[in-house]
């Protein structure tokens, strides 16, 4: 029995150290050396302080800021600990009611805007944490943001263009903008305490 048990225990201990200690330390070390920004959560810093992650959406409700995609996480929006979608199917009346309420909220926040509401402003992503919106969603909000901040719309749309992320290699992905980074650029370029 000892001849069978000793090699099994030795192999178990060796594999535990290799896969439970050595491998995680090696992967962490390589990640910190080659990709420190990503390995540390893709934190967005303002004045040396972290204000969020470029990978997790945040709630913005001020009319002077751009708003992101709705979040379906519970018990509060953009809860990274319980990432999930709403799981409501396209024929579910609860989804229809939620979308209608979101469209009405967008219309009441910008009553002069009669353009079609981009779908990503009224539907949650699969994770409920999407940090990006389409360029159409950003341009849709430009008039409201510019009006609230008393800026020419052209300055706000130019900022959107500057912050836009284009498809990788011109083909992979969709044009989009990170809402947190766009709002930080907006506050940095056009600080306005009057609104």
C-alpha atoms as a PDB file:
ATOM      1  CA  UNK A   1       0.000   0.000   0.000  1.00  0.00           C
ATOM      2  CA  UNK A   2       2.858   2.396   0.831  1.00  0.00           C
ATOM      3  CA  UNK A   3       4.312   1.834  -2.617  1.00  0.00           C
ATOM      4  CA  UNK A   4       1.110   3.166  -4.178  1.00  0.00           C
ATOM      5  CA  UNK A   5       0.287   5.892  -1.679  1.00  0.00           C
ATOM      6  CA  UNK A   6       3.684   7.600  -1.547  1.00  0.00           C
ATOM      7  CA  UNK A   7       3.948   8.374  -5.306  1.00  0.00           C
ATOM      8  CA  UNK A   8       0.313   9.544  -5.357  1.00  0.00           C
ATOM      9  CA  UNK A   9       0.837  11.958  -2.452  1.00  0.00           C
ATOM     10  CA  UNK A  10       4.136  13.184  -3.908  1.00  0.00           C
ATOM     11  CA  UNK A  11       2.559  13.784  -7.310  1.00  0.00           C
ATOM     12  CA  UNK A  12      -0.435  15.533  -5.688  1.00  0.00           C
ATOM     13  CA  UNK A  13       1.871  17.843  -3.696  1.00  0.00           C
ATOM     14  CA  UNK A  14       4.072  18.585  -6.721  1.00  0.00           C
ATOM     15  CA  UNK A  15       1.102  19.392  -8.962  1.00  0.00           C
ATOM     16  CA  UNK A  16      -0.487  21.526  -6.227  1.00  0.00           C
ATOM     17  CA  UNK A  17       2.677  23.637  -5.961  1.00  0.00           C
ATOM     18  CA  UNK A  18       3.132  23.767  -9.739  1.00  0.00           C
ATOM     19  CA  UNK A  19      -0.452  24.615 -10.709  1.00  0.00           C
ATOM     20  CA  UNK A  20      -1.513  26.406  -7.517  1.00  0.00           C
ATOM     21  CA  UNK A  21       1.569  28.543  -6.864  1.00  0.00           C
ATOM     22  CA  UNK A  22       4.195  28.547  -9.621  1.00  0.00           C
ATOM     23  CA  UNK A  23       1.852  28.853 -12.622  1.00  0.00           C
ATOM     24  CA  UNK A  24      -0.346  31.670 -11.168  1.00  0.00           C
ATOM     25  CA  UNK A  25       2.751  33.632 -10.095  1.00  0.00           C
ATOM     26  CA  UNK A  26       4.317  33.195 -13.544  1.00  0.00           C
ATOM     27  CA  UNK A  27       1.147  34.294 -15.354  1.00  0.00           C
ATOM     28  CA  UNK A  28       0.707  37.269 -13.008  1.00  0.00           C
ATOM     29  CA  UNK A  29       4.351  38.277 -13.487  1.00  0.00           C
ATOM     30  CA  UNK A  30       4.143  38.079 -17.285  1.00  0.00           C
ATOM     31  CA  UNK A  31       0.855  40.012 -17.302  1.00  0.00           C
ATOM     32  CA  UNK A  32       2.280  42.733 -15.041  1.00  0.00           C
ATOM     33  CA  UNK A  33       5.415  42.991 -17.191  1.00  0.00           C
ATOM     34  CA  UNK A  34       3.758  42.993 -20.624  1.00  0.00           C
ATOM     35  CA  UNK A  35       0.243  44.356 -19.983  1.00  0.00           C
ATOM     36  CA  UNK A  36       0.253  46.273 -16.682  1.00  0.00           C
ATOM     37  CA  UNK A  37      -2.760  48.484 -17.534  1.00  0.00           C
ATOM     38  CA  UNK A  38      -4.965  45.518 -18.420  1.00  0.00           C
ATOM     39  CA  UNK A  39      -3.642  43.331 -15.601  1.00  0.00           C
ATOM     40  CA  UNK A  40      -4.631  45.998 -13.077  1.00  0.00           C
ATOM     41  CA  UNK A  41      -8.228  46.297 -14.269  1.00  0.00           C
ATOM     42  CA  UNK A  42      -7.898  48.892 -17.072  1.00  0.00           C
ATOM     43  CA  UNK A  43      -8.403  51.624 -14.493  1.00  0.00           C
ATOM     44  CA  UNK A  44      -9.226  55.132 -15.671  1.00  0.00           C
ATOM     45  CA  UNK A  45      -7.363  57.731 -13.621  1.00  0.00           C
ATOM     46  CA  UNK A  46      -8.162  61.400 -13.057  1.00  0.00           C
ATOM     47  CA  UNK A  47      -5.629  63.470 -11.111  1.00  0.00           C
ATOM     48  CA  UNK A  48      -3.905  60.274  -9.991  1.00  0.00           C
ATOM     49  CA  UNK A  49      -7.101  58.780  -8.555  1.00  0.00           C
ATOM     50  CA  UNK A  50      -9.018  55.850 -10.065  1.00  0.00           C
ATOM     51  CA  UNK A  51     -12.527  56.863 -11.146  1.00  0.00           C
ATOM     52  CA  UNK A  52     -13.574  53.617 -12.801  1.00  0.00           C
ATOM     53  CA  UNK A  53     -12.587  50.950 -15.265  1.00  0.00           C
ATOM     54  CA  UNK A  54     -12.646  51.298 -19.036  1.00  0.00           C
ATOM     55  CA  UNK A  55     -14.260  47.841 -19.080  1.00  0.00           C
ATOM     56  CA  UNK A  56     -17.256  48.442 -16.791  1.00  0.00           C
ATOM     57  CA  UNK A  57     -20.063  50.895 -17.474  1.00  0.00           C
ATOM     58  CA  UNK A  58     -21.124  53.482 -14.944  1.00  0.00           C
ATOM     59  CA  UNK A  59     -24.367  55.299 -14.342  1.00  0.00           C
ATOM     60  CA  UNK A  60     -24.522  58.903 -15.527  1.00  0.00           C
ATOM     61  CA  UNK A  61     -27.834  60.707 -15.060  1.00  0.00           C
ATOM     62  CA  UNK A  62     -26.887  64.378 -15.347  1.00  0.00           C
ATOM     63  CA  UNK A  63     -28.212  65.938 -18.574  1.00  0.00           C
ATOM     64  CA  UNK A  64     -24.778  67.521 -19.009  1.00  0.00           C
ATOM     65  CA  UNK A  65     -23.151  64.106 -19.422  1.00  0.00           C
ATOM     66  CA  UNK A  66     -23.484  61.338 -21.951  1.00  0.00           C
ATOM     67  CA  UNK A  67     -25.522  58.355 -20.799  1.00  0.00           C
ATOM     68  CA  UNK A  68     -24.486  54.766 -21.380  1.00  0.00           C
ATOM     69  CA  UNK A  69     -26.435  51.624 -22.083  1.00  0.00           C
ATOM     70  CA  UNK A  70     -29.003  50.623 -19.489  1.00  0.00           C
ATOM     71  CA  UNK A  71     -27.854  47.995 -17.010  1.00  0.00           C
ATOM     72  CA  UNK A  72     -29.862  44.933 -16.048  1.00  0.00           C
ATOM     73  CA  UNK A  73     -27.673  43.918 -13.113  1.00  0.00           C
ATOM     74  CA  UNK A  74     -29.127  43.696  -9.631  1.00  0.00           C
ATOM     75  CA  UNK A  75     -29.643  44.837  -6.977  1.00  0.00           C
ATOM     76  CA  UNK A  76     -28.323  48.104  -8.449  1.00  0.00           C
ATOM     77  CA  UNK A  77     -27.207  49.128 -11.973  1.00  0.00           C
ATOM     78  CA  UNK A  78     -23.676  48.359 -13.202  1.00  0.00           C
ATOM     79  CA  UNK A  79     -23.015  45.912 -10.376  1.00  0.00           C
ATOM     80  CA  UNK A  80     -19.911  44.070 -11.586  1.00  0.00           C
ATOM     81  CA  UNK A  81     -20.340  41.372  -8.932  1.00  0.00           C
ATOM     82  CA  UNK A  82     -23.495  40.046 -10.605  1.00  0.00           C
ATOM     83  CA  UNK A  83     -22.932  40.616 -14.304  1.00  0.00           C
ATOM     84  CA  UNK A  84     -25.963  39.454 -16.260  1.00  0.00           C
ATOM     85  CA  UNK A  85     -28.501  40.461 -18.833  1.00  0.00           C
ATOM     86  CA  UNK A  86     -32.193  40.793 -18.189  1.00  0.00           C
ATOM     87  CA  UNK A  87     -32.996  37.445 -19.843  1.00  0.00           C
ATOM     88  CA  UNK A  88     -36.189  38.979 -21.224  1.00  0.00           C
ATOM     89  CA  UNK A  89     -37.085  37.642 -24.664  1.00  0.00           C
ATOM     90  CA  UNK A  90     -38.133  39.906 -27.546  1.00  0.00           C
ATOM     91  CA  UNK A  91     -41.805  39.016 -27.068  1.00  0.00           C
ATOM     92  CA  UNK A  92     -41.822  39.588 -23.326  1.00  0.00           C
ATOM     93  CA  UNK A  93     -44.123  42.513 -22.428  1.00  0.00           C
ATOM     94  CA  UNK A  94     -41.782  43.530 -19.582  1.00  0.00           C
ATOM     95  CA  UNK A  95     -39.008  44.190 -22.122  1.00  0.00           C
ATOM     96  CA  UNK A  96     -41.389  46.191 -24.311  1.00  0.00           C
ATOM     97  CA  UNK A  97     -42.519  48.259 -21.325  1.00  0.00           C
ATOM     98  CA  UNK A  98     -38.912  48.876 -20.198  1.00  0.00           C
ATOM     99  CA  UNK A  99     -37.863  50.001 -23.675  1.00  0.00           C
ATOM    100  CA  UNK A 100     -40.887  52.311 -23.973  1.00  0.00           C
ATOM    101  CA  UNK A 101     -40.089  53.869 -20.588  1.00  0.00           C
ATOM    102  CA  UNK A 102     -36.460  54.411 -21.601  1.00  0.00           C
ATOM    103  CA  UNK A 103     -37.476  56.007 -24.907  1.00  0.00           C
ATOM    104  CA  UNK A 104     -39.871  58.327 -23.045  1.00  0.00           C
ATOM    105  CA  UNK A 105     -37.114  59.281 -20.581  1.00  0.00           C
ATOM    106  CA  UNK A 106     -34.744  60.119 -23.433  1.00  0.00           C
ATOM    107  CA  UNK A 107     -37.426  62.114 -25.234  1.00  0.00           C
ATOM    108  CA  UNK A 108     -38.342  64.081 -22.097  1.00  0.00           C
ATOM    109  CA  UNK A 109     -34.670  64.870 -21.394  1.00  0.00           C
ATOM    110  CA  UNK A 110     -34.281  66.270 -24.935  1.00  0.00           C
ATOM    111  CA  UNK A 111     -37.770  67.246 -26.169  1.00  0.00           C
ATOM    112  CA  UNK A 112     -36.567  68.921 -29.368  1.00  0.00           C
ATOM    113  CA  UNK A 113     -34.769  65.788 -30.556  1.00  0.00           C
ATOM    114  CA  UNK A 114     -37.085  63.921 -32.933  1.00  0.00           C
ATOM    115  CA  UNK A 115     -34.457  61.591 -34.414  1.00  0.00           C
ATOM    116  CA  UNK A 116     -34.896  57.838 -33.934  1.00  0.00           C
ATOM    117  CA  UNK A 117     -33.492  56.644 -30.607  1.00  0.00           C
ATOM    118  CA  UNK A 118     -30.503  54.310 -31.116  1.00  0.00           C
ATOM    119  CA  UNK A 119     -31.245  50.827 -29.837  1.00  0.00           C
ATOM    120  CA  UNK A 120     -28.217  50.699 -27.532  1.00  0.00           C
ATOM    121  CA  UNK A 121     -29.636  53.562 -25.450  1.00  0.00           C
ATOM    122  CA  UNK A 122     -32.777  51.595 -24.590  1.00  0.00           C
ATOM    123  CA  UNK A 123     -31.583  47.974 -24.334  1.00  0.00           C
ATOM    124  CA  UNK A 124     -29.117  46.440 -21.889  1.00  0.00           C
ATOM    125  CA  UNK A 125     -26.142  44.443 -23.096  1.00  0.00           C
ATOM    126  CA  UNK A 126     -25.724  40.749 -22.326  1.00  0.00           C
ATOM    127  CA  UNK A 127     -23.422  41.516 -19.407  1.00  0.00           C
ATOM    128  CA  UNK A 128     -25.332  44.555 -18.175  1.00  0.00           C
ATOM    129  CA  UNK A 129     -21.972  46.312 -17.826  1.00  0.00           C
ATOM    130  CA  UNK A 130     -21.198  47.549 -21.339  1.00  0.00           C
ATOM    131  CA  UNK A 131     -18.968  50.658 -21.059  1.00  0.00           C
ATOM    132  CA  UNK A 132     -19.363  51.691 -24.701  1.00  0.00           C
ATOM    133  CA  UNK A 133     -22.118  53.146 -26.846  1.00  0.00           C
ATOM    134  CA  UNK A 134     -22.341  53.421 -30.602  1.00  0.00           C
ATOM    135  CA  UNK A 135     -21.369  56.656 -32.297  1.00  0.00           C
ATOM    136  CA  UNK A 136     -25.044  57.030 -33.266  1.00  0.00           C
ATOM    137  CA  UNK A 137     -25.988  56.929 -29.566  1.00  0.00           C
ATOM    138  CA  UNK A 138     -23.357  59.542 -28.737  1.00  0.00           C
ATOM    139  CA  UNK A 139     -24.422  61.849 -31.578  1.00  0.00           C
ATOM    140  CA  UNK A 140     -28.057  61.426 -30.527  1.00  0.00           C
ATOM    141  CA  UNK A 141     -27.167  62.889 -27.099  1.00  0.00           C
ATOM    142  CA  UNK A 142     -24.866  65.655 -28.383  1.00  0.00           C
ATOM    143  CA  UNK A 143     -27.625  68.279 -28.620  1.00  0.00           C
ATOM    144  CA  UNK A 144     -28.804  67.676 -25.039  1.00  0.00           C
ATOM    145  CA  UNK A 145     -25.255  67.745 -23.645  1.00  0.00           C
ATOM    146  CA  UNK A 146     -24.325  70.855 -25.626  1.00  0.00           C
ATOM    147  CA  UNK A 147     -27.519  72.667 -24.628  1.00  0.00           C
ATOM    148  CA  UNK A 148     -27.108  71.838 -20.948  1.00  0.00           C
ATOM    149  CA  UNK A 149     -23.485  72.978 -20.949  1.00  0.00           C
ATOM    150  CA  UNK A 150     -24.212  76.000 -23.156  1.00  0.00           C
ATOM    151  CA  UNK A 151     -21.750  74.839 -25.824  1.00  0.00           C
ATOM    152  CA  UNK A 152     -21.973  74.814 -29.606  1.00  0.00           C
ATOM    153  CA  UNK A 153     -23.043  71.351 -30.792  1.00  0.00           C
ATOM    154  CA  UNK A 154     -20.043  71.310 -33.128  1.00  0.00           C
ATOM    155  CA  UNK A 155     -17.640  71.302 -30.180  1.00  0.00           C
ATOM    156  CA  UNK A 156     -19.421  68.353 -28.596  1.00  0.00           C
ATOM    157  CA  UNK A 157     -19.532  66.351 -31.834  1.00  0.00           C
ATOM    158  CA  UNK A 158     -15.834  67.096 -32.417  1.00  0.00           C
ATOM    159  CA  UNK A 159     -15.128  65.698 -28.952  1.00  0.00           C
ATOM    160  CA  UNK A 160     -17.104  62.555 -29.812  1.00  0.00           C
ATOM    161  CA  UNK A 161     -15.036  62.145 -32.986  1.00  0.00           C
ATOM    162  CA  UNK A 162     -11.818  62.573 -31.030  1.00  0.00           C
ATOM    163  CA  UNK A 163     -12.839  59.973 -28.433  1.00  0.00           C
ATOM    164  CA  UNK A 164     -14.241  57.481 -30.953  1.00  0.00           C
ATOM    165  CA  UNK A 165     -12.701  54.040 -31.201  1.00  0.00           C
ATOM    166  CA  UNK A 166     -12.660  52.767 -34.767  1.00  0.00           C
ATOM    167  CA  UNK A 167     -12.748  49.117 -35.871  1.00  0.00           C
ATOM    168  CA  UNK A 168      -9.443  47.348 -35.353  1.00  0.00           C
ATOM    169  CA  UNK A 169      -7.570  47.091 -38.662  1.00  0.00           C
ATOM    170  CA  UNK A 170     -10.527  48.910 -40.205  1.00  0.00           C
ATOM    171  CA  UNK A 171     -12.630  45.735 -40.120  1.00  0.00           C
ATOM    172  CA  UNK A 172     -12.949  44.144 -36.691  1.00  0.00           C
ATOM    173  CA  UNK A 173     -15.568  45.616 -34.374  1.00  0.00           C
ATOM    174  CA  UNK A 174     -17.931  48.540 -34.594  1.00  0.00           C
ATOM    175  CA  UNK A 175     -17.197  52.247 -34.187  1.00  0.00           C
ATOM    176  CA  UNK A 176     -17.914  53.110 -30.569  1.00  0.00           C
ATOM    177  CA  UNK A 177     -17.062  55.454 -27.724  1.00  0.00           C
ATOM    178  CA  UNK A 178     -16.342  54.695 -24.077  1.00  0.00           C
ATOM    179  CA  UNK A 179     -18.881  56.684 -22.033  1.00  0.00           C
ATOM    180  CA  UNK A 180     -16.681  57.161 -18.952  1.00  0.00           C
ATOM    181  CA  UNK A 181     -13.726  58.384 -20.994  1.00  0.00           C
ATOM    182  CA  UNK A 182     -15.981  60.619 -23.107  1.00  0.00           C
ATOM    183  CA  UNK A 183     -17.475  62.246 -20.000  1.00  0.00           C
ATOM    184  CA  UNK A 184     -14.029  62.742 -18.460  1.00  0.00           C
ATOM    185  CA  UNK A 185     -12.850  64.419 -21.680  1.00  0.00           C
ATOM    186  CA  UNK A 186     -16.015  66.531 -21.666  1.00  0.00           C
ATOM    187  CA  UNK A 187     -15.416  67.681 -18.074  1.00  0.00           C
ATOM    188  CA  UNK A 188     -11.733  68.301 -18.787  1.00  0.00           C
ATOM    189  CA  UNK A 189     -12.192  70.227 -22.063  1.00  0.00           C
ATOM    190  CA  UNK A 190     -15.328  72.123 -21.083  1.00  0.00           C
ATOM    191  CA  UNK A 191     -15.440  72.553 -17.324  1.00  0.00           C
ATOM    192  CA  UNK A 192     -18.609  74.414 -16.480  1.00  0.00           C
ATOM    193  CA  UNK A 193     -19.890  74.920 -12.988  1.00  0.00           C
ATOM    194  CA  UNK A 194     -22.992  76.843 -14.115  1.00  0.00           C
ATOM    195  CA  UNK A 195     -24.974  73.913 -15.421  1.00  0.00           C
END
